[in-house]
PDB file of N, CA and C in Angstrom:
ATOM      1  N   MET A   1      34.811 -10.873 -31.327  1.00  0.00           N
ATOM      2  CA  MET A   1      34.844 -12.298 -30.579  1.00  0.00           C
ATOM      3  C   MET A   1      33.638 -13.159 -30.517  1.00  0.00           C
ATOM      4  N   GLY A   2      34.004 -14.460 -30.685  1.00  0.00           N
ATOM      5  CA  GLY A   2      33.111 -15.506 -30.834  1.00  0.00           C
ATOM      6  C   GLY A   2      32.484 -15.973 -29.333  1.00  0.00           C
ATOM      7  N   SER A   3      31.177 -16.746 -29.283  1.00  0.00           N
ATOM      8  CA  SER A   3      30.948 -17.012 -28.171  1.00  0.00           C
ATOM      9  C   SER A   3      31.808 -18.396 -28.084  1.00  0.00           C
ATOM     10  N   LYS A   4      31.441 -18.294 -26.510  1.00  0.00           N
ATOM     11  CA  LYS A   4      32.347 -19.120 -25.763  1.00  0.00           C
ATOM     12  C   LYS A   4      31.890 -20.745 -25.442  1.00  0.00           C
ATOM     13  N   LYS A   5      30.696 -21.237 -26.533  1.00  0.00           N
ATOM     14  CA  LYS A   5      29.962 -22.157 -25.922  1.00  0.00           C
ATOM     15  C   LYS A   5      30.626 -23.748 -26.275  1.00  0.00           C
ATOM     16  N   LYS A   6      30.746 -24.722 -25.413  1.00  0.00           N
ATOM     17  CA  LYS A   6      31.158 -26.007 -25.429  1.00  0.00           C
ATOM     18  C   LYS A   6      30.620 -26.792 -26.645  1.00  0.00           C
ATOM     19  N   GLY A   7      31.333 -26.986 -27.773  1.00  0.00           N
ATOM     20  CA  GLY A   7      30.830 -27.665 -28.862  1.00  0.00           C
ATOM     21  C   GLY A   7      31.927 -29.003 -28.764  1.00  0.00           C
ATOM     22  N   SER A   8      31.952 -29.958 -29.951  1.00  0.00           N
ATOM     23  CA  SER A   8      32.229 -31.022 -30.286  1.00  0.00           C
ATOM     24  C   SER A   8      33.882 -30.740 -30.498  1.00  0.00           C
ATOM     25  N   VAL A   9      34.385 -29.611 -31.167  1.00  0.00           N
ATOM     26  CA  VAL A   9      35.474 -28.843 -31.433  1.00  0.00           C
ATOM     27  C   VAL A   9      36.333 -28.357 -30.448  1.00  0.00           C
ATOM     28  N   GLU A  10      37.468 -28.548 -30.320  1.00  0.00           N
ATOM     29  CA  GLU A  10      38.359 -28.257 -29.534  1.00  0.00           C
ATOM     30  C   GLU A  10      39.580 -27.617 -29.846  1.00  0.00           C
ATOM     31  N   ILE A  11      40.565 -26.792 -29.416  1.00  0.00           N
ATOM     32  CA  ILE A  11      41.517 -26.620 -29.586  1.00  0.00           C
ATOM     33  C   ILE A  11      42.823 -27.058 -29.246  1.00  0.00           C
ATOM     34  N   ILE A  12      43.899 -27.618 -29.625  1.00  0.00           N
ATOM     35  CA  ILE A  12      44.768 -28.544 -28.563  1.00  0.00           C
ATOM     36  C   ILE A  12      46.271 -27.791 -29.269  1.00  0.00           C
ATOM     37  N   ALA A  13      46.922 -28.173 -28.505  1.00  0.00           N
ATOM     38  CA  ALA A  13      48.676 -28.035 -28.821  1.00  0.00           C
ATOM     39  C   ALA A  13      49.298 -29.268 -28.806  1.00  0.00           C
ATOM     40  N   LEU A  14      50.338 -29.504 -29.962  1.00  0.00           N
ATOM     41  CA  LEU A  14      50.888 -30.363 -30.153  1.00  0.00           C
ATOM     42  C   LEU A  14      52.373 -30.259 -29.299  1.00  0.00           C
ATOM     43  N   GLN A  15      52.955 -31.055 -28.791  1.00  0.00           N
ATOM     44  CA  GLN A  15      54.032 -30.844 -27.689  1.00  0.00           C
ATOM     45  C   GLN A  15      55.032 -31.858 -28.562  1.00  0.00           C
ATOM     46  N   CYS A  16      56.491 -31.351 -28.653  1.00  0.00           N
ATOM     47  CA  CYS A  16      57.501 -32.505 -28.860  1.00  0.00           C
ATOM     48  C   CYS A  16      57.526 -33.535 -27.875  1.00  0.00           C
ATOM     49  N   THR A  17      57.940 -34.273 -28.265  1.00  0.00           N
ATOM     50  CA  THR A  17      58.204 -35.879 -27.177  1.00  0.00           C
ATOM     51  C   THR A  17      59.950 -35.803 -27.033  1.00  0.00           C
ATOM     52  N   GLU A  18      60.683 -34.876 -27.281  1.00  0.00           N
ATOM     53  CA  GLU A  18      61.826 -35.056 -27.206  1.00  0.00           C
ATOM     54  C   GLU A  18      62.365 -33.614 -26.438  1.00  0.00           C
ATOM     55  N   CYS A  19      61.977 -32.590 -26.746  1.00  0.00           N
ATOM     56  CA  CYS A  19      62.436 -31.287 -26.031  1.00  0.00           C
ATOM     57  C   CYS A  19      61.319 -30.920 -25.155  1.00  0.00           C
ATOM     58  N   LYS A  20      60.291 -31.466 -25.440  1.00  0.00           N
ATOM     59  CA  LYS A  20      59.019 -30.992 -24.649  1.00  0.00           C
ATOM     60  C   LYS A  20      58.451 -29.398 -24.732  1.00  0.00           C
ATOM     61  N   ARG A  21      58.507 -28.723 -26.062  1.00  0.00           N
ATOM     62  CA  ARG A  21      58.353 -27.595 -26.283  1.00  0.00           C
ATOM     63  C   ARG A  21      57.162 -27.841 -27.177  1.00  0.00           C
ATOM     64  N   LYS A  22      55.996 -26.809 -27.072  1.00  0.00           N
ATOM     65  CA  LYS A  22      54.665 -26.654 -27.745  1.00  0.00           C
ATOM     66  C   LYS A  22      54.777 -26.057 -29.028  1.00  0.00           C
ATOM     67  N   ASN A  23      54.879 -26.642 -30.215  1.00  0.00           N
ATOM     68  CA  ASN A  23      55.329 -26.313 -31.419  1.00  0.00           C
ATOM     69  C   ASN A  23      53.874 -25.688 -32.343  1.00  0.00           C
ATOM     70  N   TYR A  24      53.240 -26.447 -32.196  1.00  0.00           N
ATOM     71  CA  TYR A  24      51.634 -26.678 -33.131  1.00  0.00           C
ATOM     72  C   TYR A  24      50.305 -26.429 -32.423  1.00  0.00           C
ATOM     73  N   THR A  25      49.397 -25.920 -32.953  1.00  0.00           N
ATOM     74  CA  THR A  25      47.796 -25.654 -32.713  1.00  0.00           C
ATOM     75  C   THR A  25      47.237 -26.450 -33.462  1.00  0.00           C
ATOM     76  N   THR A  26      45.895 -27.015 -33.258  1.00  0.00           N
ATOM     77  CA  THR A  26      44.988 -27.776 -34.169  1.00  0.00           C
ATOM     78  C   THR A  26      43.944 -27.720 -33.459  1.00  0.00           C
ATOM     79  N   TYR A  27      42.693 -28.294 -34.101  1.00  0.00           N
ATOM     80  CA  TYR A  27      41.625 -28.585 -33.744  1.00  0.00           C
ATOM     81  C   TYR A  27      41.648 -30.208 -33.500  1.00  0.00           C
ATOM     82  N   LYS A  28      40.924 -30.483 -32.655  1.00  0.00           N
ATOM     83  CA  LYS A  28      40.314 -31.931 -32.794  1.00  0.00           C
ATOM     84  C   LYS A  28      39.085 -31.914 -32.238  1.00  0.00           C
ATOM     85  N   ASN A  29      38.153 -32.984 -33.374  1.00  0.00           N
ATOM     86  CA  ASN A  29      36.812 -32.996 -32.741  1.00  0.00           C
ATOM     87  C   ASN A  29      36.757 -34.072 -31.941  1.00  0.00           C
ATOM     88  N   ARG A  30      36.108 -33.937 -30.520  1.00  0.00           N
ATOM     89  CA  ARG A  30      36.200 -34.871 -29.550  1.00  0.00           C
ATOM     90  C   ARG A  30      35.192 -36.251 -29.838  1.00  0.00           C
ATOM     91  N   LYS A  31      34.264 -36.090 -30.707  1.00  0.00           N
ATOM     92  CA  LYS A  31      33.295 -36.698 -30.894  1.00  0.00           C
ATOM     93  C   LYS A  31      34.211 -38.285 -31.867  1.00  0.00           C
ATOM     94  N   ASN A  32      34.624 -37.276 -33.062  1.00  0.00           N
ATOM     95  CA  ASN A  32      35.678 -38.373 -33.826  1.00  0.00           C
ATOM     96  C   ASN A  32      36.790 -39.037 -33.237  1.00  0.00           C
ATOM     97  N   ILE A  33      37.560 -38.545 -32.800  1.00  0.00           N
ATOM     98  CA  ILE A  33      38.686 -38.813 -32.172  1.00  0.00           C
ATOM     99  C   ILE A  33      38.730 -38.938 -30.110  1.00  0.00           C
ATOM    100  N   THR A  34      38.623 -39.995 -29.605  1.00  0.00           N
ATOM    101  CA  THR A  34      38.575 -40.218 -28.538  1.00  0.00           C
ATOM    102  C   THR A  34      39.830 -40.173 -27.470  1.00  0.00           C
ATOM    103  N   GLY A  35      40.968 -40.434 -28.316  1.00  0.00           N
ATOM    104  CA  GLY A  35      42.241 -40.942 -27.561  1.00  0.00           C
ATOM    105  C   GLY A  35      43.098 -39.667 -28.034  1.00  0.00           C
ATOM    106  N   LYS A  36      44.309 -39.606 -27.464  1.00  0.00           N
ATOM    107  CA  LYS A  36      45.105 -38.345 -27.384  1.00  0.00           C
ATOM    108  C   LYS A  36      45.809 -38.404 -28.729  1.00  0.00           C
ATOM    109  N   LEU A  37      45.660 -37.408 -29.678  1.00  0.00           N
ATOM    110  CA  LEU A  37      46.215 -36.914 -30.842  1.00  0.00           C
ATOM    111  C   LEU A  37      47.991 -37.263 -30.901  1.00  0.00           C
ATOM    112  N   GLU A  38      48.304 -37.994 -31.837  1.00  0.00           N
ATOM    113  CA  GLU A  38      49.755 -38.192 -32.002  1.00  0.00           C
ATOM    114  C   GLU A  38      50.280 -37.788 -33.601  1.00  0.00           C
ATOM    115  N   LYS A  39      51.024 -36.944 -33.906  1.00  0.00           N
ATOM    116  CA  LYS A  39      51.426 -37.104 -35.285  1.00  0.00           C
ATOM    117  C   LYS A  39      53.100 -37.026 -35.266  1.00  0.00           C
ATOM    118  N   MET A  40      53.690 -37.239 -36.252  1.00  0.00           N
ATOM    119  CA  MET A  40      54.828 -36.961 -36.534  1.00  0.00           C
ATOM    120  C   MET A  40      54.871 -35.817 -37.142  1.00  0.00           C
ATOM    121  N   LYS A  41      55.620 -35.079 -36.749  1.00  0.00           N
ATOM    122  CA  LYS A  41      55.716 -33.045 -37.108  1.00  0.00           C
ATOM    123  C   LYS A  41      57.307 -32.984 -36.933  1.00  0.00           C
ATOM    124  N   TYR A  42      57.603 -31.980 -37.704  1.00  0.00           N
ATOM    125  CA  TYR A  42      58.820 -31.333 -37.852  1.00  0.00           C
ATOM    126  C   TYR A  42      59.041 -30.645 -36.328  1.00  0.00           C
ATOM    127  N   CYS A  43      59.956 -30.728 -35.638  1.00  0.00           N
ATOM    128  CA  CYS A  43      60.596 -29.734 -34.459  1.00  0.00           C
ATOM    129  C   CYS A  43      61.613 -28.437 -35.005  1.00  0.00           C
ATOM    130  N   PRO A  44      61.271 -27.619 -34.990  1.00  0.00           N
ATOM    131  CA  PRO A  44      62.162 -26.457 -35.187  1.00  0.00           C
ATOM    132  C   PRO A  44      63.377 -26.699 -34.432  1.00  0.00           C
ATOM    133  N   PHE A  45      62.917 -27.038 -33.048  1.00  0.00           N
ATOM    134  CA  PHE A  45      63.988 -26.626 -31.917  1.00  0.00           C
ATOM    135  C   PHE A  45      65.071 -28.157 -32.126  1.00  0.00           C
ATOM    136  N   CYS A  46      64.581 -29.073 -32.372  1.00  0.00           N
ATOM    137  CA  CYS A  46      65.201 -30.539 -32.646  1.00  0.00           C
ATOM    138  C   CYS A  46      66.191 -30.203 -33.956  1.00  0.00           C
ATOM    139  N   ARG A  47      65.322 -29.701 -34.489  1.00  0.00           N
ATOM    140  CA  ARG A  47      65.825 -29.829 -36.212  1.00  0.00           C
ATOM    141  C   ARG A  47      65.982 -31.239 -36.746  1.00  0.00           C
ATOM    142  N   LYS A  48      64.579 -31.730 -36.671  1.00  0.00           N
ATOM    143  CA  LYS A  48      64.148 -33.239 -37.279  1.00  0.00           C
ATOM    144  C   LYS A  48      62.737 -33.436 -37.070  1.00  0.00           C
ATOM    145  N   SER A  49      62.073 -34.134 -37.665  1.00  0.00           N
ATOM    146  CA  SER A  49      61.079 -34.821 -37.708  1.00  0.00           C
ATOM    147  C   SER A  49      60.819 -35.976 -36.204  1.00  0.00           C
ATOM    148  N   VAL A  50      59.683 -35.440 -35.238  1.00  0.00           N
ATOM    149  CA  VAL A  50      59.671 -36.436 -34.528  1.00  0.00           C
ATOM    150  C   VAL A  50      58.060 -36.339 -33.898  1.00  0.00           C
ATOM    151  N   MET A  51      58.225 -37.595 -32.987  1.00  0.00           N
ATOM    152  CA  MET A  51      56.569 -37.428 -32.737  1.00  0.00           C
ATOM    153  C   MET A  51      56.157 -36.342 -31.837  1.00  0.00           C
ATOM    154  N   HIS A  52      55.006 -35.566 -32.122  1.00  0.00           N
ATOM    155  CA  HIS A  52      54.403 -34.868 -31.463  1.00  0.00           C
ATOM    156  C   HIS A  52      53.146 -35.212 -30.816  1.00  0.00           C
ATOM    157  N   LYS A  53      52.583 -35.205 -29.551  1.00  0.00           N
ATOM    158  CA  LYS A  53      51.746 -35.139 -28.557  1.00  0.00           C
ATOM    159  C   LYS A  53      50.785 -34.056 -28.157  1.00  0.00           C
ATOM    160  N   GLU A  54      49.610 -34.692 -27.958  1.00  0.00           N
ATOM    161  CA  GLU A  54      48.326 -33.774 -27.887  1.00  0.00           C
ATOM    162  C   GLU A  54      48.937 -33.392 -26.473  1.00  0.00           C
ATOM    163  N   THR A  55      48.427 -31.565 -26.026  1.00  0.00           N
ATOM    164  CA  THR A  55      48.395 -31.203 -24.655  1.00  0.00           C
ATOM    165  C   THR A  55      47.329 -30.283 -25.023  1.00  0.00           C
ATOM    166  N   LYS A  56      46.948 -29.541 -23.633  1.00  0.00           N
ATOM    167  CA  LYS A  56      46.109 -28.258 -23.408  1.00  0.00           C
ATOM    168  C   LYS A  56      46.725 -27.283 -24.254  1.00  0.00           C
ATOM    169  N   ALA A  57      45.909 -26.548 -24.739  1.00  0.00           N
ATOM    170  CA  ALA A  57      46.309 -25.425 -25.307  1.00  0.00           C
ATOM    171  C   ALA A  57      45.667 -24.110 -24.352  1.00  0.00           C
ATOM    172  N   LYS A  58      46.834 -23.037 -24.016  1.00  0.00           N
ATOM    173  CA  LYS A  58      46.396 -22.054 -23.466  1.00  0.00           C
ATOM    174  C   LYS A  58      45.688 -21.156 -23.799  1.00  0.00           C
TER     175      LYS A  58
END
């Protein structure tokens, strides 16, 4: 297991804006991207490409 020191890179989850399910996890560099991350991704529950927004990963 790695150390738990705070760096500029954090793990985030991407949540579907239609069905509100957390489908993807990714990394975000807080120094380069200051706002909330938004991406068009495929949602397997909605079965179409919809906007996914950044949320906290557990």
